[in-house]
Amino acid sequence: MIKSADSPSSPERREVLRGSAAALIAIGAASACLGSGRTAYAAATARKSFPKGFIWGAATAGHQVEGNDTNSDTWFLEQLQPTLFAERVGDADNSLELWQVDLDLVRSLKLNAFRFSLEWSRIEPEPGQFSVAMLDHYLRIIDGCRTRGLQPLVTFNHFTAPRWFSARGGNARPSRVRPCSRLSLAQTQWVERSAAEDSHDRLISRRRRRVRRTTPRRNPSRC
């Protein structure tokens, strides 16, 4: 006896039923996921604001935005031929000169923080030769953040290093110089140079009020 395709026991009918069952299971699962998604969305929209003190900010790396960091190891590597770099940094965004414009842009975006790095090769272009002018430059950026209601977040070292440091072996050297310690030494010299204009205690207090959050490094092997 030949079974009709409409018969419940026919192969064709069983395949249709299996497909229908699978489809129902898939629809059920999708509905469950959709339901949980809607719950999560409802919970997210119910929270009208982020927690108090939440930081919304912009971040930069000195070498990539300041431009013409000619004393850094990365600048030197960019000039070699053949090179691993797609292009040289050159003038970059000229943020060294246009940092006030950068801060105005951050403020216009309704952000509340700005993270930037201190270019070690600008502060100490040669071993033991510290630039007070560059330390003052970065202090002006910090003050510029405060003036605009932005929280300054300072990165002590963001992947680049002075050429002299890398020429000595850089991070591969067991007794390597650490950038954080060099910045501390630079601060000491800055205080000594500035002491004639202000008291030591007042200078230190003023610096501590300027920056409350710092990032020691963006490259774990540096600092």
C-alpha atoms as a PDB file:
ATOM      1  CA  MET A   1       0.000   0.000   0.000  1.00  0.00           C
ATOM      2  CA  ILE A   2       1.391   3.366  -1.005  1.00  0.00           C
ATOM      3  CA  LYS A   3       1.205   5.952   1.745  1.00  0.00           C
ATOM      4  CA  SER A   4      -0.188   9.336   0.797  1.00  0.00           C
ATOM      5  CA  ALA A   5       2.049  12.327   1.291  1.00  0.00           C
ATOM      6  CA  ASP A   6      -0.694  13.748   3.536  1.00  0.00           C
ATOM      7  CA  SER A   7      -0.619  10.697   5.784  1.00  0.00           C
ATOM      8  CA  PRO A   8       0.929  11.394   9.215  1.00  0.00           C
ATOM      9  CA  SER A   9       3.162   8.335   8.785  1.00  0.00           C
ATOM     10  CA  SER A  10       4.526   9.259   5.333  1.00  0.00           C
ATOM     11  CA  PRO A  11       8.262  10.237   5.078  1.00  0.00           C
ATOM     12  CA  GLU A  12       7.387  13.558   3.493  1.00  0.00           C
ATOM     13  CA  ARG A  13       4.937  14.370   6.267  1.00  0.00           C
ATOM     14  CA  ARG A  14       7.450  13.447   8.981  1.00  0.00           C
ATOM     15  CA  GLU A  15      10.055  15.776   7.446  1.00  0.00           C
ATOM     16  CA  VAL A  16       7.541  18.599   7.396  1.00  0.00           C
ATOM     17  CA  LEU A  17       6.666  17.961  11.039  1.00  0.00           C
ATOM     18  CA  ARG A  18      10.340  17.857  12.037  1.00  0.00           C
ATOM     19  CA  GLY A  19      10.945  21.139  10.236  1.00  0.00           C
ATOM     20  CA  SER A  20       7.922  22.722  11.903  1.00  0.00           C
ATOM     21  CA  ALA A  21       9.074  21.584  15.341  1.00  0.00           C
ATOM     22  CA  ALA A  22      12.561  22.951  14.750  1.00  0.00           C
ATOM     23  CA  ALA A  23      11.102  26.242  13.590  1.00  0.00           C
ATOM     24  CA  LEU A  24       8.929  26.498  16.702  1.00  0.00           C
ATOM     25  CA  ILE A  25      11.926  25.814  18.933  1.00  0.00           C
ATOM     26  CA  ALA A  26      13.959  28.488  17.117  1.00  0.00           C
ATOM     27  CA  ILE A  27      11.108  30.979  17.404  1.00  0.00           C
ATOM     28  CA  GLY A  28      10.809  30.258  21.121  1.00  0.00           C
ATOM     29  CA  ALA A  29      14.504  30.740  21.682  1.00  0.00           C
ATOM     30  CA  ALA A  30      14.503  33.973  19.701  1.00  0.00           C
ATOM     31  CA  SER A  31      11.546  35.231  21.694  1.00  0.00           C
ATOM     32  CA  ALA A  32      13.344  34.452  24.939  1.00  0.00           C
ATOM     33  CA  CYS A  33      16.447  36.307  23.770  1.00  0.00           C
ATOM     34  CA  LEU A  34      14.350  39.209  22.586  1.00  0.00           C
ATOM     35  CA  GLY A  35      12.619  39.313  25.918  1.00  0.00           C
ATOM     36  CA  SER A  36      15.884  39.426  27.845  1.00  0.00           C
ATOM     37  CA  GLY A  37      17.202  42.038  25.410  1.00  0.00           C
ATOM     38  CA  ARG A  38      14.157  44.196  26.002  1.00  0.00           C
ATOM     39  CA  THR A  39      14.627  43.818  29.753  1.00  0.00           C
ATOM     40  CA  ALA A  40      18.267  44.901  29.484  1.00  0.00           C
ATOM     41  CA  TYR A  41      17.309  47.826  27.259  1.00  0.00           C
ATOM     42  CA  ALA A  42      14.600  48.896  29.676  1.00  0.00           C
ATOM     43  CA  ALA A  43      17.089  48.752  32.563  1.00  0.00           C
ATOM     44  CA  ALA A  44      19.616  50.803  30.593  1.00  0.00           C
ATOM     45  CA  THR A  45      17.096  53.466  29.584  1.00  0.00           C
ATOM     46  CA  ALA A  46      15.759  53.642  33.135  1.00  0.00           C
ATOM     47  CA  ARG A  47      19.200  54.835  34.226  1.00  0.00           C
ATOM     48  CA  LYS A  48      19.125  58.413  33.016  1.00  0.00           C
ATOM     49  CA  SER A  49      22.719  59.268  33.970  1.00  0.00           C
ATOM     50  CA  PHE A  50      26.082  57.672  34.591  1.00  0.00           C
ATOM     51  CA  PRO A  51      27.422  57.350  38.149  1.00  0.00           C
ATOM     52  CA  LYS A  52      28.656  60.504  39.816  1.00  0.00           C
ATOM     53  CA  GLY A  53      32.245  61.203  38.906  1.00  0.00           C
ATOM     54  CA  PHE A  54      32.150  59.102  35.724  1.00  0.00           C
ATOM     55  CA  ILE A  55      34.937  60.238  33.406  1.00  0.00           C
ATOM     56  CA  TRP A  56      34.156  60.954  29.758  1.00  0.00           C
ATOM     57  CA  GLY A  57      37.314  62.119  28.048  1.00  0.00           C
ATOM     58  CA  ALA A  58      39.619  62.216  25.077  1.00  0.00           C
ATOM     59  CA  ALA A  59      43.126  60.742  25.007  1.00  0.00           C
ATOM     60  CA  THR A  60      46.265  61.467  23.013  1.00  0.00           C
ATOM     61  CA  ALA A  61      49.877  60.281  22.756  1.00  0.00           C
ATOM     62  CA  GLY A  62      52.467  63.029  22.556  1.00  0.00           C
ATOM     63  CA  HIS A  63      54.479  61.625  19.662  1.00  0.00           C
ATOM     64  CA  GLN A  64      51.370  61.103  17.553  1.00  0.00           C
ATOM     65  CA  VAL A  65      49.884  64.575  17.985  1.00  0.00           C
ATOM     66  CA  GLU A  66      52.639  67.023  18.969  1.00  0.00           C
ATOM     67  CA  GLY A  67      54.843  66.473  15.918  1.00  0.00           C
ATOM     68  CA  ASN A  68      58.568  66.979  15.306  1.00  0.00           C
ATOM     69  CA  ASP A  69      59.693  65.052  18.353  1.00  0.00           C
ATOM     70  CA  THR A  70      63.164  64.779  16.825  1.00  0.00           C
ATOM     71  CA  ASN A  71      64.909  63.543  19.968  1.00  0.00           C
ATOM     72  CA  SER A  72      62.730  60.437  20.365  1.00  0.00           C
ATOM     73  CA  ASP A  73      63.718  56.919  19.373  1.00  0.00           C
ATOM     74  CA  THR A  74      60.528  56.528  17.333  1.00  0.00           C
ATOM     75  CA  TRP A  75      61.302  59.620  15.238  1.00  0.00           C
ATOM     76  CA  PHE A  76      64.735  58.149  14.502  1.00  0.00           C
ATOM     77  CA  LEU A  77      63.244  54.801  13.439  1.00  0.00           C
ATOM     78  CA  GLU A  78      60.754  56.538  11.156  1.00  0.00           C
ATOM     79  CA  GLN A  79      63.613  58.082   9.174  1.00  0.00           C
ATOM     80  CA  LEU A  80      65.375  54.784   8.460  1.00  0.00           C
ATOM     81  CA  GLN A  81      65.043  53.160   5.062  1.00  0.00           C
ATOM     82  CA  PRO A  82      63.581  50.651   4.713  1.00  0.00           C
ATOM     83  CA  THR A  83      61.204  51.424   7.573  1.00  0.00           C
ATOM     84  CA  LEU A  84      58.375  49.570   9.294  1.00  0.00           C
ATOM     85  CA  PHE A  85      56.263  52.727   9.437  1.00  0.00           C
ATOM     86  CA  ALA A  86      53.644  53.519   6.803  1.00  0.00           C
ATOM     87  CA  GLU A  87      54.378  57.217   7.169  1.00  0.00           C
ATOM     88  CA  ARG A  88      56.479  59.561   9.267  1.00  0.00           C
ATOM     89  CA  VAL A  89      54.826  61.562  12.004  1.00  0.00           C
ATOM     90  CA  GLY A  90      56.230  64.881  10.734  1.00  0.00           C
ATOM     91  CA  ASP A  91      54.201  67.832  12.001  1.00  0.00           C
ATOM     92  CA  ALA A  92      51.390  65.498  13.128  1.00  0.00           C
ATOM     93  CA  ASP A  93      48.578  67.734  14.442  1.00  0.00           C
ATOM     94  CA  ASN A  94      51.058  70.344  15.697  1.00  0.00           C
ATOM     95  CA  SER A  95      49.484  69.936  19.103  1.00  0.00           C
ATOM     96  CA  LEU A  96      52.668  71.261  20.686  1.00  0.00           C
ATOM     97  CA  GLU A  97      51.579  74.699  19.469  1.00  0.00           C
ATOM     98  CA  LEU A  98      47.812  74.160  19.135  1.00  0.00           C
ATOM     99  CA  TRP A  99      47.110  72.474  22.477  1.00  0.00           C
ATOM    100  CA  GLN A 100      44.692  75.238  23.482  1.00  0.00           C
ATOM    101  CA  VAL A 101      42.629  74.552  20.360  1.00  0.00           C
ATOM    102  CA  ASP A 102      42.661  70.847  21.259  1.00  0.00           C
ATOM    103  CA  LEU A 103      41.355  71.576  24.742  1.00  0.00           C
ATOM    104  CA  ASP A 104      38.627  73.821  23.330  1.00  0.00           C
ATOM    105  CA  LEU A 105      37.544  70.947  21.054  1.00  0.00           C
ATOM    106  CA  VAL A 106      37.419  68.535  23.990  1.00  0.00           C
ATOM    107  CA  ARG A 107      35.316  71.013  25.924  1.00  0.00           C
ATOM    108  CA  SER A 108      32.994  71.595  22.951  1.00  0.00           C
ATOM    109  CA  LEU A 109      32.274  67.847  22.864  1.00  0.00           C
ATOM    110  CA  LYS A 110      30.934  68.121  26.436  1.00  0.00           C
ATOM    111  CA  LEU A 111      33.665  65.824  27.776  1.00  0.00           C
ATOM    112  CA  ASN A 112      35.054  66.273  31.259  1.00  0.00           C
ATOM    113  CA  ALA A 113      38.611  64.944  31.030  1.00  0.00           C
ATOM    114  CA  PHE A 114      41.689  65.029  28.839  1.00  0.00           C
ATOM    115  CA  ARG A 115      44.506  62.480  28.980  1.00  0.00           C
ATOM    116  CA  PHE A 116      47.835  63.440  27.472  1.00  0.00           C
ATOM    117  CA  SER A 117      51.405  62.253  27.790  1.00  0.00           C
ATOM    118  CA  LEU A 118      54.671  63.894  28.795  1.00  0.00           C
ATOM    119  CA  GLU A 119      57.243  63.426  26.055  1.00  0.00           C
ATOM    120  CA  TRP A 120      60.312  62.240  27.921  1.00  0.00           C
ATOM    121  CA  SER A 121      62.611  63.117  25.009  1.00  0.00           C
ATOM    122  CA  ARG A 122      61.453  66.740  25.166  1.00  0.00           C
ATOM    123  CA  ILE A 123      61.930  66.980  28.923  1.00  0.00           C
ATOM    124  CA  GLU A 124      65.330  65.219  28.924  1.00  0.00           C
ATOM    125  CA  PRO A 125      66.727  65.414  25.374  1.00  0.00           C
ATOM    126  CA  GLU A 126      70.188  64.436  26.631  1.00  0.00           C
ATOM    127  CA  PRO A 127      71.105  62.496  29.802  1.00  0.00           C
ATOM    128  CA  GLY A 128      70.806  64.834  32.791  1.00  0.00           C
ATOM    129  CA  GLN A 129      69.820  67.818  30.622  1.00  0.00           C
ATOM    130  CA  PHE A 130      66.310  68.783  31.696  1.00  0.00           C
ATOM    131  CA  SER A 131      64.201  71.359  29.924  1.00  0.00           C
ATOM    132  CA  VAL A 132      62.397  73.592  32.398  1.00  0.00           C
ATOM    133  CA  ALA A 133      60.667  75.230  29.434  1.00  0.00           C
ATOM    134  CA  MET A 134      59.048  71.925  28.465  1.00  0.00           C
ATOM    135  CA  LEU A 135      58.038  71.185  32.050  1.00  0.00           C
ATOM    136  CA  ASP A 136      56.366  74.595  32.133  1.00  0.00           C
ATOM    137  CA  HIS A 137      54.700  73.789  28.805  1.00  0.00           C
ATOM    138  CA  TYR A 138      53.031  70.686  30.201  1.00  0.00           C
ATOM    139  CA  LEU A 139      52.054  72.576  33.349  1.00  0.00           C
ATOM    140  CA  ARG A 140      50.292  75.116  31.131  1.00  0.00           C
ATOM    141  CA  ILE A 141      48.311  72.282  29.542  1.00  0.00           C
ATOM    142  CA  ILE A 142      47.289  71.100  32.995  1.00  0.00           C
ATOM    143  CA  ASP A 143      46.207  74.611  33.953  1.00  0.00           C
ATOM    144  CA  GLY A 144      44.401  74.914  30.613  1.00  0.00           C
ATOM    145  CA  CYS A 145      42.411  71.785  31.450  1.00  0.00           C
ATOM    146  CA  ARG A 146      41.458  73.186  34.842  1.00  0.00           C
ATOM    147  CA  THR A 147      40.391  76.510  33.324  1.00  0.00           C
ATOM    148  CA  ARG A 148      38.031  74.679  30.955  1.00  0.00           C
ATOM    149  CA  GLY A 149      36.594  72.415  33.649  1.00  0.00           C
ATOM    150  CA  LEU A 150      38.471  69.364  32.334  1.00  0.00           C
ATOM    151  CA  GLN A 151      40.158  66.853  34.567  1.00  0.00           C
ATOM    152  CA  PRO A 152      43.785  66.419  33.445  1.00  0.00           C
ATOM    153  CA  LEU A 153      44.985  62.813  33.329  1.00  0.00           C
ATOM    154  CA  VAL A 154      48.740  62.681  32.800  1.00  0.00           C
ATOM    155  CA  THR A 155      50.579  59.711  31.285  1.00  0.00           C
ATOM    156  CA  PHE A 156      54.240  59.758  32.289  1.00  0.00           C
ATOM    157  CA  ASN A 157      55.384  57.625  29.364  1.00  0.00           C
ATOM    158  CA  HIS A 158      53.487  56.736  26.199  1.00  0.00           C
ATOM    159  CA  PHE A 159      55.638  54.260  24.243  1.00  0.00           C
ATOM    160  CA  THR A 160      58.387  56.633  23.022  1.00  0.00           C
ATOM    161  CA  ALA A 161      61.738  57.254  24.705  1.00  0.00           C
ATOM    162  CA  PRO A 162      64.734  59.550  24.154  1.00  0.00           C
ATOM    163  CA  ARG A 163      67.204  58.392  21.528  1.00  0.00           C
ATOM    164  CA  TRP A 164      69.999  58.290  24.102  1.00  0.00           C
ATOM    165  CA  PHE A 165      67.977  55.912  26.277  1.00  0.00           C
ATOM    166  CA  SER A 166      67.350  53.440  23.472  1.00  0.00           C
ATOM    167  CA  ALA A 167      70.947  53.755  22.216  1.00  0.00           C
ATOM    168  CA  ARG A 168      72.104  52.512  25.625  1.00  0.00           C
ATOM    169  CA  GLY A 169      69.978  49.400  25.296  1.00  0.00           C
ATOM    170  CA  GLY A 170      66.624  50.769  26.397  1.00  0.00           C
ATOM    171  CA  ASN A 171      64.392  48.242  28.115  1.00  0.00           C
ATOM    172  CA  ALA A 172      66.686  45.363  27.193  1.00  0.00           C
ATOM    173  CA  ARG A 173      69.312  46.683  29.577  1.00  0.00           C
ATOM    174  CA  PRO A 174      69.017  45.033  33.042  1.00  0.00           C
ATOM    175  CA  SER A 175      69.832  48.231  34.952  1.00  0.00           C
ATOM    176  CA  ARG A 176      67.773  50.448  32.687  1.00  0.00           C
ATOM    177  CA  VAL A 177      66.834  53.991  33.538  1.00  0.00           C
ATOM    178  CA  ARG A 178      63.184  54.324  34.457  1.00  0.00           C
ATOM    179  CA  PRO A 179      61.246  57.285  33.030  1.00  0.00           C
ATOM    180  CA  CYS A 180      59.257  57.855  36.214  1.00  0.00           C
ATOM    181  CA  SER A 181      62.464  58.292  38.210  1.00  0.00           C
ATOM    182  CA  ARG A 182      63.821  60.655  35.547  1.00  0.00           C
ATOM    183  CA  LEU A 183      60.653  62.751  35.729  1.00  0.00           C
ATOM    184  CA  SER A 184      61.021  62.914  39.503  1.00  0.00           C
ATOM    185  CA  LEU A 185      64.562  64.200  39.027  1.00  0.00           C
ATOM    186  CA  ALA A 186      63.306  66.701  36.464  1.00  0.00           C
ATOM    187  CA  GLN A 187      60.693  67.914  38.951  1.00  0.00           C
ATOM    188  CA  THR A 188      63.395  68.417  41.577  1.00  0.00           C
ATOM    189  CA  GLN A 189      65.419  70.591  39.218  1.00  0.00           C
ATOM    190  CA  TRP A 190      62.274  72.476  38.212  1.00  0.00           C
ATOM    191  CA  VAL A 191      61.546  73.237  41.874  1.00  0.00           C
ATOM    192  CA  GLU A 192      65.118  74.380  42.457  1.00  0.00           C
ATOM    193  CA  ARG A 193      64.992  76.689  39.421  1.00  0.00           C
ATOM    194  CA  SER A 194      61.602  78.083  40.472  1.00  0.00           C
ATOM    195  CA  ALA A 195      62.375  78.464  44.173  1.00  0.00           C
ATOM    196  CA  ALA A 196      63.637  81.988  43.625  1.00  0.00           C
ATOM    197  CA  GLU A 197      60.125  83.058  42.660  1.00  0.00           C
ATOM    198  CA  ASP A 198      58.091  81.035  45.145  1.00  0.00           C
ATOM    199  CA  SER A 199      58.533  78.960  48.272  1.00  0.00           C
ATOM    200  CA  HIS A 200      59.326  75.250  47.871  1.00  0.00           C
ATOM    201  CA  ASP A 201      56.310  74.111  49.915  1.00  0.00           C
ATOM    202  CA  ARG A 202      53.928  76.321  47.962  1.00  0.00           C
ATOM    203  CA  LEU A 203      55.289  75.044  44.645  1.00  0.00           C
ATOM    204  CA  ILE A 204      54.816  71.388  45.641  1.00  0.00           C
ATOM    205  CA  SER A 205      51.343  72.072  47.002  1.00  0.00           C
ATOM    206  CA  ARG A 206      50.371  73.875  43.804  1.00  0.00           C
ATOM    207  CA  ARG A 207      51.606  70.990  41.629  1.00  0.00           C
ATOM    208  CA  ARG A 208      49.709  68.405  43.692  1.00  0.00           C
ATOM    209  CA  ARG A 209      46.474  70.364  43.333  1.00  0.00           C
ATOM    210  CA  ARG A 210      46.907  70.513  39.563  1.00  0.00           C
ATOM    211  CA  VAL A 211      46.914  66.768  38.907  1.00  0.00           C
ATOM    212  CA  ARG A 212      44.990  64.143  40.877  1.00  0.00           C
ATOM    213  CA  ARG A 213      45.054  61.274  38.391  1.00  0.00           C
ATOM    214  CA  THR A 214      48.089  59.949  36.564  1.00  0.00           C
ATOM    215  CA  THR A 215      48.946  56.959  34.392  1.00  0.00           C
ATOM    216  CA  PRO A 216      52.552  55.894  34.978  1.00  0.00           C
ATOM    217  CA  ARG A 217      52.879  54.276  31.555  1.00  0.00           C
ATOM    218  CA  ARG A 218      51.125  53.076  28.451  1.00  0.00           C
ATOM    219  CA  ASN A 219      53.893  50.585  27.788  1.00  0.00           C
ATOM    220  CA  PRO A 220      54.337  48.238  30.804  1.00  0.00           C
ATOM    221  CA  SER A 221      58.050  47.733  30.159  1.00  0.00           C
ATOM    222  CA  ARG A 222      58.917  51.400  30.269  1.00  0.00           C
ATOM    223  CA  CYS A 223      58.295  52.608  33.802  1.00  0.00           C
END
